[in-house]
Protein backbone atom coordinates (compact mmCIF):
# COMPACT_ATOMS: atom_id res chain seq x y z
CA MET A 1 3.83 -6.95 17.82
CA ARG A 2 2.34 -9.09 15.09
CA VAL A 3 4.75 -11.38 13.26
CA VAL A 4 5.04 -10.33 9.61
CA GLY A 5 7.35 -13.10 8.40
CA ARG A 6 10.88 -13.34 7.08
CA ARG A 7 9.95 -12.61 3.45
CA SER A 8 8.14 -9.37 4.35
CA SER A 9 9.16 -6.08 2.78
CA VAL A 10 10.45 -2.98 4.51
CA ASP A 11 7.04 -1.36 4.00
CA GLU A 12 5.34 -4.18 5.91
CA VAL A 13 7.77 -3.81 8.79
CA ILE A 14 7.21 -0.06 8.85
CA ALA A 15 3.46 -0.73 8.95
CA ALA A 16 3.91 -3.11 11.90
CA ILE A 17 6.00 -0.58 13.82
CA ASN A 18 3.48 2.11 12.94
CA GLU A 19 0.71 0.01 14.51
CA GLN A 20 2.62 0.08 17.78
CA LEU A 21 3.01 3.84 17.61
CA VAL A 22 -0.56 4.66 16.59
CA SER A 23 -2.05 2.31 19.18
CA GLY A 24 -0.09 3.97 21.99
CA ALA A 25 1.90 0.83 22.76
CA TRP A 26 4.99 2.95 22.27
CA VAL A 27 4.81 6.61 23.31
CA PRO A 28 7.03 9.66 22.66
CA GLY A 29 10.22 9.50 24.69
CA GLN A 30 10.07 5.73 25.08
CA ARG A 31 12.90 3.52 23.83
CA ILE A 32 11.65 0.98 21.30
CA PRO A 33 12.83 -2.67 21.40
CA THR A 34 16.38 -3.34 20.28
CA GLU A 35 17.15 -4.35 16.72
CA GLN A 36 17.50 -7.99 17.77
CA GLU A 37 14.22 -7.87 19.69
CA LEU A 38 12.48 -6.48 16.59
CA VAL A 39 14.02 -9.19 14.44
CA THR A 40 12.74 -11.86 16.82
CA GLY A 41 9.34 -10.27 17.41
CA LEU A 42 8.56 -9.53 13.77
CA GLY A 43 10.17 -12.64 12.34
CA VAL A 44 12.16 -10.74 9.71
CA SER A 45 15.80 -10.28 8.81
CA ARG A 46 18.08 -7.80 10.54
CA ALA A 47 18.62 -5.91 7.27
CA VAL A 48 14.87 -5.33 6.80
CA VAL A 49 14.47 -4.09 10.40
CA ARG A 50 17.45 -1.79 10.05
CA GLU A 51 16.15 -0.23 6.84
CA ALA A 52 12.64 0.23 8.29
CA VAL A 53 13.96 1.92 11.42
CA ARG A 54 16.29 4.09 9.34
CA ALA A 55 13.34 5.25 7.23
CA LEU A 56 11.32 6.19 10.32
CA VAL A 57 14.31 8.03 11.78
CA HIS A 58 14.65 9.91 8.49
CA LEU A 59 10.98 10.90 8.72
CA GLY A 60 11.44 12.20 12.25
CA ARG A 61 9.21 9.60 13.93
CA LEU A 62 12.08 7.87 15.67
CA GLU A 63 15.42 9.12 16.97
CA SER A 64 18.58 7.06 17.19
CA ARG A 65 20.84 7.91 20.12
CA GLN A 66 24.30 6.41 20.02
CA GLY A 67 24.85 4.01 22.89
CA ALA A 68 21.30 4.44 24.19
CA GLY A 69 19.03 2.97 21.50
CA THR A 70 16.18 4.25 19.34
CA PHE A 71 13.42 6.40 20.85
CA VAL A 72 9.93 7.48 19.81
CA VAL A 73 9.68 11.11 18.71
CA SER A 74 6.22 11.22 17.11
CA THR A 75 3.23 8.88 16.81
CA ALA A 76 1.87 10.61 13.67
CA ASP A 77 1.12 8.23 10.81
CA PRO A 78 3.97 8.40 8.23
CA THR A 79 2.16 6.41 5.53
CA PRO A 80 1.18 9.38 3.30
CA MET A 81 4.70 10.80 3.41
CA LEU A 82 6.27 7.41 2.76
CA ARG A 83 4.06 6.92 -0.27
CA GLN A 84 4.99 10.38 -1.54
CA LEU A 85 8.69 9.57 -1.25
CA ARG A 86 8.26 6.17 -2.90
CA LEU A 87 6.32 7.57 -5.85
CA ALA A 88 8.92 10.31 -6.32
CA GLU A 89 11.61 7.60 -6.53
CA VAL A 90 9.51 5.63 -9.02
CA HIS A 91 9.17 8.76 -11.17
CA ASP A 92 12.96 9.21 -11.17
CA VAL A 93 13.51 5.57 -12.17
CA PHE A 94 11.08 5.81 -15.09
CA GLU A 95 12.74 8.99 -16.34
CA VAL A 96 16.06 7.16 -16.51
CA GLN A 97 14.42 4.15 -18.13
CA LEU A 98 12.94 6.38 -20.82
CA ALA A 99 16.38 7.76 -21.68
CA TYR A 100 17.93 4.29 -21.93
CA ASP A 101 15.02 2.60 -23.70
CA VAL A 102 14.72 5.13 -26.50
CA GLN A 103 18.29 4.48 -27.64
CA ALA A 104 18.00 0.74 -26.99
CA ALA A 105 14.86 0.47 -29.13
CA ARG A 106 16.46 2.45 -31.97
CA LEU A 107 19.51 0.19 -32.01
CA ALA A 108 17.47 -2.99 -31.55
CA ALA A 109 15.37 -2.12 -34.62
CA LEU A 110 18.58 -1.91 -36.65
CA ARG A 111 20.53 -4.81 -35.15
CA ARG A 112 18.05 -7.47 -33.98
CA ASP A 113 18.15 -10.94 -35.47
CA ASP A 114 15.58 -13.73 -35.73
CA ALA A 115 16.52 -15.13 -32.31
CA ASP A 116 15.96 -11.72 -30.73
CA ILE A 117 12.52 -11.46 -32.32
CA ARG A 118 11.51 -14.91 -31.06
CA ARG A 119 12.73 -14.04 -27.58
CA LEU A 120 10.89 -10.71 -27.53
CA ARG A 121 7.64 -12.28 -28.68
CA ALA A 122 7.85 -14.98 -26.02
CA LEU A 123 8.66 -12.46 -23.28
CA LEU A 124 5.86 -10.12 -24.30
CA ALA A 125 3.39 -13.02 -24.21
CA ARG A 126 4.63 -13.84 -20.72
CA ARG A 127 4.19 -10.21 -19.68
CA ASP A 128 0.62 -10.21 -20.98
CA ARG A 129 -0.17 -13.33 -18.94
CA ALA A 130 1.31 -11.99 -15.69
CA GLY A 131 -1.07 -11.95 -12.76
CA SER A 132 0.34 -10.46 -9.57
CA PRO A 133 2.24 -7.14 -9.47
CA GLY A 134 5.43 -9.08 -8.75
CA GLU A 135 4.99 -11.39 -11.76
CA PHE A 136 4.16 -8.44 -13.98
CA ALA A 137 7.20 -6.46 -12.86
CA ALA A 138 9.57 -9.39 -13.45
CA ALA A 139 8.12 -10.09 -16.91
CA ASP A 140 8.20 -6.45 -17.96
CA VAL A 141 11.83 -6.07 -16.88
CA GLU A 142 12.77 -9.19 -18.88
CA PHE A 143 11.09 -7.86 -22.00
CA HIS A 144 12.80 -4.47 -21.84
CA SER A 145 16.14 -6.08 -20.96
CA ALA A 146 15.82 -8.24 -24.08
CA ILE A 147 15.43 -5.09 -26.17
CA VAL A 148 18.64 -3.72 -24.65
CA LEU A 149 20.35 -7.04 -25.38
CA ALA A 150 19.19 -6.85 -29.01
CA ALA A 151 20.73 -3.37 -29.27
CA ARG A 152 24.18 -5.04 -29.31
CA ASN A 153 25.81 -2.30 -27.23
CA PRO A 154 27.77 -3.82 -24.31
CA LEU A 155 28.11 -0.53 -22.41
CA LEU A 156 24.39 0.24 -22.65
CA LEU A 157 23.63 -3.30 -21.46
CA GLU A 158 25.98 -2.95 -18.49
CA MET A 159 24.48 0.40 -17.50
CA TYR A 160 20.95 -0.99 -17.81
CA ARG A 161 21.79 -3.85 -15.47
CA TYR A 162 22.44 -1.34 -12.69
CA LEU A 163 18.86 -0.11 -13.13
CA LEU A 164 17.12 -3.48 -13.20
CA GLU A 165 16.32 -4.05 -9.53
CA ARG A 166 15.08 -0.49 -9.00
CA LEU A 167 13.05 -0.79 -12.20
CA ARG A 168 11.47 -4.05 -11.06
CA GLU A 169 10.51 -2.52 -7.70
CA SER A 170 9.11 0.57 -9.43
CA LEU A 171 7.01 -1.48 -11.85
CA GLU A 172 5.62 -3.52 -8.97
CA THR A 173 4.70 -0.30 -7.13
CA LEU A 174 3.02 1.06 -10.25
CA ARG A 175 0.94 -2.08 -10.84
CA ALA A 176 -0.11 -2.34 -7.17
CA ASP A 177 -1.18 1.32 -6.78
CA ALA A 178 -4.80 1.82 -7.81
CA GLU A 179 -4.33 5.57 -8.30
CA LEU A 180 -1.72 5.14 -11.02
CA THR A 181 -2.35 4.35 -14.67
CA GLU A 182 -0.21 2.56 -17.22
CA CYS A 183 0.17 2.70 -20.98
CA ASP A 184 -2.36 1.30 -23.41
CA PRO A 185 -2.20 -2.53 -23.42
CA LEU A 186 -1.29 -2.46 -27.12
CA ALA A 187 1.66 -0.06 -26.69
CA HIS A 188 4.18 -2.86 -26.18
CA GLN A 189 2.86 -4.64 -29.27
CA VAL A 190 3.49 -1.47 -31.27
CA LEU A 191 7.02 -1.29 -29.87
CA LEU A 192 7.73 -4.90 -30.79
CA LYS A 193 6.34 -4.43 -34.31
CA ALA A 194 8.60 -1.42 -34.90
CA ILE A 195 11.63 -3.46 -33.84
CA VAL A 196 10.59 -6.39 -36.01
CA ASP A 197 10.05 -4.02 -38.97
CA GLY A 198 13.48 -2.46 -38.46
CA ASP A 199 11.95 1.03 -38.06
CA ALA A 200 14.22 2.86 -35.61
CA ASP A 201 12.17 6.09 -35.50
CA ALA A 202 8.92 4.22 -34.88
CA ALA A 203 10.59 2.17 -32.15
CA ALA A 204 11.77 5.32 -30.38
CA MET A 205 8.28 6.84 -30.60
CA ALA A 206 6.76 3.61 -29.28
CA VAL A 207 9.00 3.74 -26.20
CA HIS A 208 7.60 7.17 -25.38
CA ALA A 209 4.07 5.77 -25.71
CA VAL A 210 5.01 2.94 -23.32
CA ILE A 211 6.64 4.97 -20.53
CA GLU A 212 5.23 8.50 -20.65
CA PRO A 213 1.65 7.61 -19.54
CA SER A 214 3.09 6.27 -16.28
CA LEU A 215 5.27 9.35 -15.86
CA LYS A 216 2.26 11.60 -16.45
CA SER A 217 0.19 9.65 -13.94
CA LEU A 218 2.96 9.82 -11.35
CA ARG A 219 3.38 13.57 -11.86
CA GLY A 220 -0.35 14.06 -11.38
CA VAL A 221 -0.44 12.13 -8.11
CA LEU A 222 2.70 13.83 -6.79
CA ASP A 223 1.45 17.30 -7.72
CA GLU A 224 -1.94 16.60 -6.14
CA LYS A 225 -0.40 15.37 -2.89
CA GLY A 226 2.11 18.21 -2.87
CA ASN A 227 -0.60 20.84 -3.30
CA ALA A 228 -2.66 19.26 -0.53
CA GLN A 229 0.16 19.58 2.01
């Protein structure tokens, strides 16, 4: 197996295992290396290996037998199905974000102060400068979190914090997937202006303009893939 490195994602480990299956290195009925052997061979953490194997078991490509190990069931490529599942999760995350962000933007337009406005402007400029999908996702999450902070609702802020990591992952997936589209580049500027102007209704409408294009794009891809199966 090729070493993928300790900082690799679960998807990269799944891809490495998939190479073994597709190439015929591991065949149906064969026991795959132990978890520790995979950790050593791939150069990744035990948690990443465990999650990757669990995903492939869930897809029916591998089978875990208590006391015996994990065995190959199918060598079919799971990549299309994995992408379908990932995009479905991203769609769910954005639906929840839309619900939270509409109320947060309304309240932020009514309760923000000068410090909030300065922070939002700086964070939006950082988002606009972001290069890689990871940098973009982190900057976007910071900007939207700052809006929630400006809403001055402790419960909403606490609930939003539970969403942050999933939101960051979803934004990174969106930016990295060439088939998916995002909102107009000016949409976030419109959202910020509504908050600065203290216009709660305009802020709520701007949130829809920010998030719904991604939701529509995701629905289109999911419907297309679903109809093709």
